[in-house]
Amino acid sequence: MDRSQSTPLSKHRTRRQALGLAISAALALLTGCASLTGSTDRRSGGAARGIADERVLIVGAGIAGLAAARALLQQGIPVQVLEARTRIGGRIWTDTSLGTPLDLGASWIHGSAGNPLTQLAREHGITTVRSDIEDAYLYETSGRELSDARYAETDAIVEAIFVRLYELQETATTDASVADALTTILGDYQLEDALRRAVDWSLVSSINIATGADPTDLSLQHWETDAAFAGDELLFPGGYGQLIQVLARDVPIQRDCVVSAIAYEGEGVRLTTSQGTWEGSRALVTVPLGVLQAGTITFTPALPTGHQQAQRRLAMGTLNKIALQFDRVFWPEDAHSLGVLQRERTRLLEYWSMLPVTGAPILVAMAGGQYARELEALTPEAAADHTLRDLRSIAGGRVPTPVGVLPTRWSADPFARGSYSHVPPRASLQDYASLAAPVGSRLFFAGEATSPNYPATVHGALLSGRRAADDIINRVGS
């Protein structure tokens, strides 16, 4: 990770997930119309016979599953994608119910330089805009914006805190948490109340909201040790879903098809679903870590010990959003992000303005970790109330009633069970590699939680799908 960005207002972002590319119509014809029997034409001769005997069943139509499907189709290998939801995209979800594209799941391309998502967007003429993550408008509860001097003071303190965090990381034990280190570091500071709240907001933005987890749930030893692309952070004015639609074109996808069991004994695989039994030569499982942990899919035979231990050790974080649509703009029009320095550290929100992205008068409040999960229990109106207490500070009490409210509930979603993975104490990045390992020559795994280099990111999920496809291609005929 580029640790030079770990300052309070130049937030060290690692938010996450999604996808992209078109499928050749000619290659897609190889799949034909999927049947429940999984039968394929038999051809004679070496490699041709191997491909004819193949039919890869892919569980999940998110970025990883669709990226794998495309790579396999390009090699002439038939596939069938089984998706539990009515919609496709998984944790990429572009909603238009407020009259404008709004990403309720993954939002950013993290690091544009050399990122495969940037390339996909360019190839298909999909517009992206730079997201200014280096500046946030911060307000006291009185409505007064922080002074330049206070911004600078906050930056300096949080920069020093992050430097100290990374120093402590060098000698951290496996059971040490980020919270343990913060307790040690903050004990050396005697901050007056207003400055403490500014520091708290910056830490929550950079840790809780960025990872979807509280500091107590993050391994100090492995926090922020994964790789990252350089360059700008990018957003999609038309939504991340544009990449999903491009990638899914001509891919056979069975929607509303919930997989409950996968048998991978013998010469093929058999998947039990809400729409009957599907048979194929191999299975690629791309469901989120939270779904694997829930045990809603049974495997026969049981997964190897290494897989099971990795599932238990890793964890799913939660980042939830509350989109608020207004009939007018009452916040600074050039603002990308805003925050209010509440006294209660566990109830801090970060707001992102859609005005610079889509021109819409929409603020998206973000919460991470336990607070994000607590918000899921609220009605949309009650969730909006949590945001309006902040926004009244920004606007001096003159905040219009939202004309639209759209909250997310990723932890409660049975097909996600969280937003993205993280490494808690006593786990390691090696657990991601354990989840990625094929089981024999019939069962494969992909998804952001199988990416040791880029976990919890869209590009990590994309690359994992390509990696799994390569593994399968190398085994065709075996």
Protein backbone atom coordinates (compact mmCIF):
# COMPACT_ATOMS: atom_id res chain seq x y z
CA MET A 1 0.00 0.00 0.00
CA ASP A 2 1.09 3.59 -0.60
CA ARG A 3 1.36 4.61 3.02
CA SER A 4 2.10 8.23 2.12
CA GLN A 5 -1.64 8.71 1.59
CA SER A 6 -2.55 7.71 5.13
CA THR A 7 -3.47 11.17 6.31
CA PRO A 8 -6.81 12.19 7.81
CA LEU A 9 -8.19 14.29 5.01
CA SER A 10 -6.29 12.56 2.24
CA LYS A 11 -8.08 9.41 3.36
CA HIS A 12 -6.19 6.17 2.81
CA ARG A 13 -8.93 4.48 0.79
CA THR A 14 -9.36 0.80 0.28
CA ARG A 15 -13.09 0.66 -0.54
CA ARG A 16 -14.13 -2.07 -2.86
CA GLN A 17 -15.47 -4.38 -5.68
CA ALA A 18 -16.69 -5.09 -9.40
CA LEU A 19 -15.91 -5.78 -13.23
CA GLY A 20 -15.92 -5.90 -16.98
CA LEU A 21 -15.80 -6.75 -20.83
CA ALA A 22 -17.87 -7.85 -23.81
CA ILE A 23 -18.34 -11.48 -24.81
CA SER A 24 -17.88 -12.58 -28.39
CA ALA A 25 -21.24 -13.61 -29.81
CA ALA A 26 -19.61 -16.32 -31.90
CA LEU A 27 -17.94 -17.91 -28.90
CA ALA A 28 -21.10 -17.62 -26.85
CA LEU A 29 -22.89 -19.80 -29.36
CA LEU A 30 -20.74 -22.67 -28.12
CA THR A 31 -22.80 -22.73 -24.95
CA GLY A 32 -26.12 -23.03 -26.76
CA CYS A 33 -29.26 -23.06 -24.66
CA ALA A 34 -28.37 -24.51 -21.26
CA SER A 35 -30.23 -27.63 -20.24
CA LEU A 36 -30.60 -29.11 -16.79
CA THR A 37 -28.83 -32.31 -17.87
CA GLY A 38 -25.54 -30.64 -18.76
CA SER A 39 -25.15 -32.81 -21.88
CA THR A 40 -22.82 -31.63 -24.66
CA ASP A 41 -22.03 -32.80 -28.17
CA ARG A 42 -19.29 -35.44 -28.34
CA ARG A 43 -16.52 -34.90 -30.82
CA SER A 44 -13.62 -37.17 -31.71
CA GLY A 45 -9.97 -36.24 -31.49
CA GLY A 46 -7.58 -34.95 -28.78
CA ALA A 47 -8.16 -31.32 -27.72
CA ALA A 48 -11.50 -31.00 -29.46
CA ARG A 49 -12.80 -33.97 -27.51
CA GLY A 50 -11.56 -32.40 -24.27
CA ILE A 51 -13.46 -29.19 -24.87
CA ALA A 52 -16.56 -31.05 -25.99
CA ASP A 53 -16.60 -32.88 -22.68
CA GLU A 54 -16.39 -29.64 -20.73
CA ARG A 55 -19.19 -27.64 -19.19
CA VAL A 56 -18.19 -25.33 -16.37
CA LEU A 57 -20.89 -24.36 -13.89
CA ILE A 58 -20.15 -20.96 -12.36
CA VAL A 59 -21.88 -20.03 -9.11
CA GLY A 60 -22.42 -16.28 -8.98
CA ALA A 61 -22.79 -13.55 -11.62
CA GLY A 62 -20.59 -10.96 -9.94
CA ILE A 63 -17.37 -9.67 -11.38
CA ALA A 64 -15.36 -12.79 -10.63
CA GLY A 65 -17.89 -15.16 -12.14
CA LEU A 66 -18.46 -13.09 -15.26
CA ALA A 67 -14.74 -12.47 -15.79
CA ALA A 68 -14.13 -16.21 -15.59
CA ALA A 69 -17.03 -16.95 -17.94
CA ARG A 70 -15.62 -14.58 -20.54
CA ALA A 71 -12.14 -16.06 -20.34
CA LEU A 72 -13.49 -19.60 -20.69
CA LEU A 73 -15.76 -18.71 -23.59
CA GLN A 74 -12.82 -17.15 -25.39
CA GLN A 75 -11.17 -20.57 -25.29
CA GLY A 76 -14.30 -22.27 -26.58
CA ILE A 77 -15.20 -23.83 -23.24
CA PRO A 78 -18.97 -23.89 -22.57
CA VAL A 79 -20.16 -22.33 -19.34
CA GLN A 80 -23.37 -21.85 -17.40
CA VAL A 81 -23.63 -19.14 -14.75
CA LEU A 82 -26.07 -19.71 -11.87
CA GLU A 83 -27.11 -16.52 -10.06
CA ALA A 84 -29.20 -16.50 -6.88
CA ARG A 85 -30.55 -12.98 -7.36
CA THR A 86 -32.90 -11.62 -9.98
CA ARG A 87 -30.28 -9.04 -10.87
CA ILE A 88 -26.65 -9.70 -11.79
CA GLY A 89 -23.53 -7.98 -10.50
CA GLY A 90 -23.38 -9.25 -6.94
CA ARG A 91 -21.90 -6.55 -4.74
CA ILE A 92 -21.87 -4.22 -7.73
CA TRP A 93 -25.33 -2.73 -7.78
CA THR A 94 -26.23 0.37 -9.78
CA ASP A 95 -29.70 1.50 -8.74
CA THR A 96 -31.75 4.05 -10.70
CA SER A 97 -34.84 4.30 -8.48
CA LEU A 98 -33.97 7.90 -7.55
CA GLY A 99 -33.88 8.88 -11.21
CA THR A 100 -30.09 8.79 -11.58
CA PRO A 101 -27.49 6.02 -11.53
CA LEU A 102 -26.34 5.37 -7.97
CA ASP A 103 -23.88 2.68 -6.92
CA LEU A 104 -25.15 1.04 -3.74
CA GLY A 105 -22.28 -1.43 -3.63
CA ALA A 106 -18.85 -0.94 -5.17
CA SER A 107 -18.24 2.63 -6.30
CA TRP A 108 -14.55 3.30 -6.95
CA ILE A 109 -11.78 2.11 -9.19
CA HIS A 110 -8.97 2.18 -6.64
CA GLY A 111 -5.82 3.31 -8.41
CA SER A 112 -6.25 3.98 -12.12
CA ALA A 113 -2.68 3.34 -13.29
CA GLY A 114 -2.37 -0.16 -14.70
CA ASN A 115 -5.69 -1.21 -13.22
CA PRO A 116 -7.53 -3.71 -15.44
CA LEU A 117 -10.83 -1.99 -14.65
CA THR A 118 -9.54 1.27 -16.11
CA GLN A 119 -8.59 -0.57 -19.28
CA LEU A 120 -12.02 -2.20 -19.54
CA ALA A 121 -13.81 1.11 -19.12
CA ARG A 122 -11.68 2.74 -21.81
CA GLU A 123 -12.12 -0.14 -24.24
CA HIS A 124 -15.88 0.20 -24.03
CA GLY A 125 -16.14 3.97 -23.95
CA ILE A 126 -17.46 4.06 -20.39
CA THR A 127 -16.93 7.43 -18.75
CA THR A 128 -15.10 7.74 -15.45
CA VAL A 129 -14.39 10.84 -13.39
CA ARG A 130 -11.68 11.54 -10.86
CA SER A 131 -12.84 11.37 -7.27
CA ASP A 132 -11.16 13.96 -5.06
CA ILE A 133 -10.36 11.99 -1.92
CA GLU A 134 -7.72 14.43 -0.72
CA ASP A 135 -10.03 17.04 0.75
CA ALA A 136 -13.07 16.80 2.98
CA TYR A 137 -15.20 19.60 4.34
CA LEU A 138 -15.33 19.09 8.11
CA TYR A 139 -17.76 20.90 10.39
CA GLU A 140 -18.20 21.38 14.11
CA THR A 141 -21.68 20.58 15.43
CA SER A 142 -22.16 24.35 15.68
CA GLY A 143 -22.02 24.50 11.88
CA ARG A 144 -18.62 26.18 11.73
CA GLU A 145 -16.17 24.70 9.26
CA LEU A 146 -12.72 23.86 10.57
CA SER A 147 -10.16 26.60 10.12
CA ASP A 148 -7.15 26.09 7.86
CA ALA A 149 -4.98 25.89 10.95
CA ARG A 150 -7.17 23.16 12.47
CA TYR A 151 -7.14 21.17 9.22
CA ALA A 152 -3.34 21.34 9.17
CA GLU A 153 -3.08 20.40 12.84
CA THR A 154 -5.39 17.43 12.36
CA ASP A 155 -3.46 16.27 9.31
CA ALA A 156 -0.17 16.41 11.17
CA ILE A 157 -1.46 14.43 14.14
CA VAL A 158 -3.13 11.71 12.09
CA GLU A 159 -0.09 11.42 9.84
CA ALA A 160 2.01 10.84 12.95
CA ILE A 161 -0.50 8.27 14.22
CA PHE A 162 -0.29 6.30 10.98
CA VAL A 163 3.50 6.41 11.00
CA ARG A 164 3.45 5.01 14.52
CA LEU A 165 0.89 2.35 13.52
CA TYR A 166 3.19 1.08 10.81
CA GLU A 167 6.12 1.06 13.22
CA LEU A 168 4.17 -1.04 15.71
CA GLN A 169 3.08 -3.29 12.86
CA GLU A 170 6.68 -4.38 12.32
CA THR A 171 6.77 -6.18 15.67
CA ALA A 172 3.08 -7.06 16.02
CA THR A 173 2.03 -10.51 17.17
CA THR A 174 -0.64 -12.50 15.35
CA ASP A 175 -3.30 -11.66 17.93
CA ALA A 176 -2.65 -7.89 18.00
CA SER A 177 -5.41 -5.65 16.67
CA VAL A 178 -5.31 -2.17 15.19
CA ALA A 179 -7.31 -1.08 18.24
CA ASP A 180 -4.53 -2.30 20.53
CA ALA A 181 -2.03 -0.13 18.69
CA LEU A 182 -4.32 2.90 18.63
CA THR A 183 -4.81 2.65 22.38
CA THR A 184 -1.05 2.73 22.86
CA ILE A 185 -0.54 5.61 20.44
CA LEU A 186 -3.42 7.81 21.54
CA GLY A 187 -2.33 7.43 25.14
CA ASP A 188 0.62 9.67 24.27
CA TYR A 189 -1.68 12.51 23.16
CA GLN A 190 -3.53 14.98 25.35
CA LEU A 191 -5.95 16.53 22.87
CA GLU A 192 -8.51 19.19 23.60
CA ASP A 193 -12.05 18.10 22.75
CA ALA A 194 -12.49 19.77 19.36
CA LEU A 195 -9.16 18.49 18.06
CA ARG A 196 -9.83 15.01 19.41
CA ARG A 197 -13.12 14.86 17.50
CA ALA A 198 -11.38 15.91 14.27
CA VAL A 199 -8.79 13.18 14.77
CA ASP A 200 -11.51 10.65 15.59
CA TRP A 201 -13.44 11.44 12.41
CA SER A 202 -10.31 11.05 10.30
CA LEU A 203 -9.46 7.71 11.89
CA VAL A 204 -13.00 6.39 11.45
CA SER A 205 -12.96 7.48 7.79
CA SER A 206 -9.59 5.86 7.12
CA ILE A 207 -10.17 2.67 9.10
CA ASN A 208 -13.79 1.79 9.96
CA ILE A 209 -15.38 3.10 6.77
CA ALA A 210 -12.52 2.11 4.47
CA THR A 211 -12.39 -1.48 5.71
CA GLY A 212 -15.98 -1.98 6.87
CA ALA A 213 -14.60 -3.13 10.22
CA ASP A 214 -13.89 -1.72 13.65
CA PRO A 215 -10.21 -1.49 14.74
CA THR A 216 -10.78 -4.28 17.27
CA ASP A 217 -11.58 -6.62 14.36
CA LEU A 218 -8.51 -5.80 12.24
CA SER A 219 -5.18 -7.59 12.47
CA LEU A 220 -2.40 -5.08 13.07
CA GLN A 221 0.09 -7.50 11.59
CA HIS A 222 -1.70 -7.69 8.23
CA TRP A 223 -3.62 -4.41 8.07
CA GLU A 224 -2.95 -2.55 4.81
CA THR A 225 -0.18 -4.93 3.73
CA ASP A 226 -1.85 -5.93 0.46
CA ALA A 227 -0.81 -4.45 -2.88
CA ALA A 228 -2.34 -1.41 -4.58
CA PHE A 229 -2.39 0.33 -7.94
CA ALA A 230 -1.13 3.90 -8.20
CA GLY A 231 -3.04 6.74 -9.82
CA ASP A 232 -6.38 8.44 -9.32
CA GLU A 233 -9.49 7.09 -7.65
CA LEU A 234 -12.26 6.95 -10.27
CA LEU A 235 -16.05 6.92 -10.16
CA PHE A 236 -18.62 6.05 -12.84
CA PRO A 237 -21.22 8.77 -13.57
CA GLY A 238 -23.32 6.10 -15.30
CA GLY A 239 -22.67 3.50 -12.61
CA TYR A 240 -20.39 0.50 -12.20
CA GLY A 241 -23.21 -1.62 -13.59
CA GLN A 242 -22.22 -0.55 -17.10
CA LEU A 243 -19.20 -2.84 -16.86
CA ILE A 244 -21.39 -5.65 -15.56
CA GLN A 245 -23.74 -5.38 -18.52
CA VAL A 246 -20.88 -5.36 -21.00
CA LEU A 247 -19.24 -8.39 -19.45
CA ALA A 248 -22.48 -10.35 -19.17
CA ARG A 249 -23.44 -9.88 -22.81
CA ASP A 250 -24.13 -13.28 -24.43
CA VAL A 251 -23.13 -15.21 -21.30
CA PRO A 252 -25.75 -17.84 -20.36
CA ILE A 253 -27.01 -16.82 -16.92
CA GLN A 254 -29.77 -18.54 -14.98
CA ARG A 255 -31.19 -16.02 -12.50
CA ASP A 256 -33.14 -16.73 -9.31
CA CYS A 257 -31.16 -19.95 -9.10
CA VAL A 258 -30.01 -20.53 -5.51
CA VAL A 259 -27.34 -23.20 -5.15
CA SER A 260 -27.65 -25.28 -1.98
CA ALA A 261 -25.29 -28.21 -2.59
CA ILE A 262 -22.25 -29.03 -4.69
CA ALA A 263 -21.10 -32.62 -5.21
CA TYR A 264 -17.72 -32.92 -6.90
CA GLU A 265 -16.97 -36.62 -6.65
CA GLY A 266 -16.10 -38.74 -9.63
CA GLU A 267 -15.87 -37.50 -13.19
CA GLY A 268 -17.98 -34.36 -12.90
CA VAL A 269 -19.96 -32.08 -10.63
CA ARG A 270 -23.61 -31.96 -9.62
CA LEU A 271 -25.20 -28.79 -8.24
CA THR A 272 -28.49 -28.85 -6.37
CA THR A 273 -30.39 -25.59 -6.80
CA SER A 274 -33.80 -24.00 -6.38
CA GLN A 275 -34.31 -24.72 -10.09
CA GLY A 276 -33.33 -28.35 -10.13
CA THR A 277 -30.07 -30.22 -10.58
CA TRP A 278 -27.32 -29.03 -12.90
CA GLU A 279 -24.47 -31.24 -14.07
CA GLY A 280 -21.15 -30.27 -15.53
CA SER A 281 -17.49 -31.14 -15.78
CA ARG A 282 -16.28 -28.61 -13.21
CA ALA A 283 -17.65 -25.99 -10.82
CA LEU A 284 -16.33 -22.52 -10.07
CA VAL A 285 -17.68 -21.01 -6.85
CA THR A 286 -17.55 -17.20 -6.69
CA VAL A 287 -19.94 -16.46 -3.82
CA PRO A 288 -18.79 -14.00 -1.10
CA LEU A 289 -16.86 -15.21 1.92
CA GLY A 290 -19.88 -14.48 4.11
CA VAL A 291 -22.00 -16.96 2.17
CA LEU A 292 -19.36 -19.66 2.49
CA GLN A 293 -19.14 -18.98 6.23
CA ALA A 294 -22.91 -19.24 6.61
CA GLY A 295 -22.84 -22.82 5.33
CA THR A 296 -25.83 -22.36 3.05
CA ILE A 297 -23.96 -24.33 0.38
CA THR A 298 -22.92 -27.85 1.37
CA PHE A 299 -20.01 -29.59 -0.32
CA THR A 300 -19.67 -33.34 -0.94
CA PRO A 301 -17.08 -34.38 -0.03
CA ALA A 302 -16.45 -31.77 2.65
CA LEU A 303 -13.93 -29.09 1.74
CA PRO A 304 -10.32 -29.73 2.79
CA THR A 305 -9.23 -28.61 6.24
CA GLY A 306 -7.22 -25.71 4.82
CA HIS A 307 -10.29 -24.27 3.13
CA GLN A 308 -12.43 -24.63 6.21
CA GLN A 309 -9.85 -23.06 8.50
CA ALA A 310 -9.36 -20.10 6.16
CA GLN A 311 -13.12 -19.52 6.06
CA ARG A 312 -13.26 -19.47 9.85
CA ARG A 313 -10.25 -17.19 10.29
CA LEU A 314 -11.11 -14.47 7.77
CA ALA A 315 -14.00 -12.08 8.34
CA MET A 316 -16.54 -10.03 6.42
CA GLY A 317 -16.82 -6.31 7.05
CA THR A 318 -19.86 -4.14 6.44
CA LEU A 319 -20.00 -0.79 4.68
CA ASN A 320 -23.52 0.54 4.38
CA LYS A 321 -24.81 3.58 2.55
CA ILE A 322 -27.79 5.85 3.03
CA ALA A 323 -28.53 7.79 -0.14
CA LEU A 324 -30.40 11.05 0.44
CA GLN A 325 -31.95 12.93 -2.46
CA PHE A 326 -32.86 16.60 -1.95
CA ASP A 327 -34.71 19.14 -4.05
CA ARG A 328 -31.85 21.62 -3.68
CA VAL A 329 -28.17 21.73 -2.78
CA PHE A 330 -27.41 23.17 0.67
CA TRP A 331 -23.79 22.01 0.98
CA PRO A 332 -20.70 23.43 -0.80
CA GLU A 333 -21.11 22.66 -4.47
CA ASP A 334 -17.43 21.84 -4.94
CA ALA A 335 -17.39 19.37 -2.04
CA HIS A 336 -16.67 15.73 -2.77
CA SER A 337 -16.88 14.56 0.84
CA LEU A 338 -18.10 16.06 4.10
CA GLY A 339 -18.17 15.19 7.77
CA VAL A 340 -19.52 16.48 11.07
CA LEU A 341 -17.43 16.06 14.21
CA GLN A 342 -19.85 14.42 16.57
CA ARG A 343 -18.80 13.62 20.12
CA GLU A 344 -19.73 9.95 19.85
CA ARG A 345 -16.93 8.25 17.95
CA THR A 346 -18.95 5.10 17.28
CA ARG A 347 -21.64 7.07 15.43
CA LEU A 348 -19.60 8.92 12.84
CA LEU A 349 -20.71 9.13 9.21
CA GLU A 350 -18.95 10.24 6.06
CA TYR A 351 -20.89 11.94 3.27
CA TRP A 352 -20.11 11.82 -0.42
CA SER A 353 -21.73 14.29 -2.76
CA MET A 354 -22.96 13.05 -6.12
CA LEU A 355 -23.13 16.60 -7.46
CA PRO A 356 -19.58 16.56 -8.94
CA VAL A 357 -20.18 13.07 -10.34
CA THR A 358 -23.70 13.03 -11.79
CA GLY A 359 -24.98 16.55 -11.14
CA ALA A 360 -27.70 15.15 -8.87
CA PRO A 361 -28.44 16.77 -5.47
CA ILE A 362 -27.70 13.54 -3.61
CA LEU A 363 -25.58 12.90 -0.55
CA VAL A 364 -24.51 9.35 0.24
CA ALA A 365 -23.81 8.74 3.92
CA MET A 366 -21.41 5.90 4.68
CA ALA A 367 -20.96 3.92 7.88
CA GLY A 368 -18.61 1.04 8.57
CA GLY A 369 -18.30 -1.83 11.02
CA GLN A 370 -20.70 -2.28 13.91
CA TYR A 371 -22.43 1.05 13.32
CA ALA A 372 -23.17 0.01 9.74
CA ARG A 373 -24.79 -3.18 10.98
CA GLU A 374 -26.84 -1.30 13.56
CA LEU A 375 -28.23 0.99 10.87
CA GLU A 376 -29.62 -2.03 9.02
CA ALA A 377 -32.21 -2.56 11.75
CA LEU A 378 -33.72 0.89 11.15
CA THR A 379 -36.48 1.93 8.79
CA PRO A 380 -35.38 4.19 5.92
CA GLU A 381 -36.93 7.13 7.79
CA ALA A 382 -35.08 6.33 11.01
CA ALA A 383 -31.83 5.85 9.11
CA ALA A 384 -32.34 9.24 7.48
CA ASP A 385 -32.77 10.80 10.93
CA HIS A 386 -29.25 9.67 11.82
CA THR A 387 -27.94 11.68 8.89
CA LEU A 388 -30.11 14.75 9.31
CA ARG A 389 -28.66 15.47 12.75
CA ASP A 390 -25.31 15.94 10.99
CA LEU A 391 -26.63 17.82 8.01
CA ARG A 392 -28.45 20.35 10.15
CA SER A 393 -25.05 21.31 11.51
CA ILE A 394 -23.74 21.95 8.02
CA ALA A 395 -26.74 24.02 6.94
CA GLY A 396 -27.45 25.81 10.20
CA GLY A 397 -30.66 23.86 10.73
CA ARG A 398 -32.08 24.75 7.31
CA VAL A 399 -32.08 21.28 5.80
CA PRO A 400 -34.90 20.34 3.44
CA THR A 401 -36.67 17.05 3.95
CA PRO A 402 -35.17 14.41 1.65
CA VAL A 403 -37.39 13.62 -1.32
CA GLY A 404 -35.82 10.18 -1.55
CA VAL A 405 -34.03 7.87 0.89
CA LEU A 406 -32.30 4.65 -0.12
CA PRO A 407 -30.43 2.64 2.55
CA THR A 408 -28.39 -0.52 2.00
CA ARG A 409 -28.33 -3.64 4.18
CA TRP A 410 -25.36 -5.66 3.00
CA SER A 411 -24.89 -7.63 6.19
CA ALA A 412 -28.51 -8.82 6.16
CA ASP A 413 -28.39 -9.70 2.44
CA PRO A 414 -28.42 -13.55 2.35
CA PHE A 415 -26.41 -13.56 -0.87
CA ALA A 416 -23.68 -11.24 0.43
CA ARG A 417 -23.66 -11.36 4.26
CA GLY A 418 -21.36 -8.36 4.36
CA SER A 419 -19.57 -5.97 2.04
CA TYR A 420 -16.03 -7.29 1.68
CA SER A 421 -13.46 -9.33 3.54
CA HIS A 422 -10.71 -8.34 5.96
CA VAL A 423 -8.02 -10.01 8.03
CA PRO A 424 -8.89 -10.12 11.75
CA PRO A 425 -6.41 -10.95 14.52
CA ARG A 426 -5.00 -14.50 14.28
CA ALA A 427 -5.65 -14.63 10.52
CA SER A 428 -3.28 -13.80 7.66
CA LEU A 429 -3.11 -13.02 3.96
CA GLN A 430 -2.20 -16.68 3.46
CA ASP A 431 -5.81 -17.51 4.29
CA TYR A 432 -6.85 -15.76 1.06
CA ALA A 433 -4.49 -18.06 -0.85
CA SER A 434 -5.95 -21.08 0.93
CA LEU A 435 -9.44 -20.09 -0.20
CA ALA A 436 -8.18 -19.71 -3.77
CA ALA A 437 -6.72 -23.21 -3.99
CA PRO A 438 -8.54 -25.61 -6.35
CA VAL A 439 -9.86 -28.82 -4.82
CA GLY A 440 -8.69 -31.54 -7.14
CA SER A 441 -9.47 -30.89 -10.79
CA ARG A 442 -13.22 -30.35 -10.42
CA LEU A 443 -13.80 -27.56 -7.88
CA PHE A 444 -12.46 -24.01 -8.14
CA PHE A 445 -12.91 -20.75 -6.25
CA ALA A 446 -12.77 -17.05 -7.14
CA GLY A 447 -13.85 -13.72 -5.66
CA GLU A 448 -12.22 -10.88 -3.77
CA ALA A 449 -11.66 -13.12 -0.72
CA THR A 450 -9.48 -15.43 -2.85
CA SER A 451 -7.11 -12.63 -3.88
CA PRO A 452 -4.03 -12.47 -1.60
CA ASN A 453 -2.67 -9.41 -3.42
CA TYR A 454 -5.88 -7.39 -3.86
CA PRO A 455 -8.50 -8.59 -1.36
CA ALA A 456 -11.65 -6.55 -0.80
CA THR A 457 -11.34 -4.79 -4.16
CA VAL A 458 -13.16 -4.93 -7.47
CA HIS A 459 -9.95 -5.44 -9.40
CA GLY A 460 -9.00 -8.23 -7.02
CA ALA A 461 -12.26 -10.00 -7.78
CA LEU A 462 -11.82 -9.49 -11.52
CA LEU A 463 -8.29 -10.85 -11.50
CA SER A 464 -9.34 -13.81 -9.36
CA GLY A 465 -11.92 -14.78 -11.95
CA ARG A 466 -9.30 -14.70 -14.67
CA ARG A 467 -6.91 -16.72 -12.51
CA ALA A 468 -9.55 -19.39 -11.86
CA ALA A 469 -10.37 -19.55 -15.56
CA ASP A 470 -6.69 -20.12 -16.34
CA ASP A 471 -6.60 -22.93 -13.78
CA ILE A 472 -9.57 -24.58 -15.48
CA ILE A 473 -8.19 -24.09 -18.99
CA ASN A 474 -4.94 -25.77 -17.95
CA ARG A 475 -6.92 -28.82 -16.83
CA VAL A 476 -9.16 -29.22 -19.88
CA GLY A 477 -9.02 -32.80 -21.03
CA SER A 478 -7.90 -34.07 -17.65
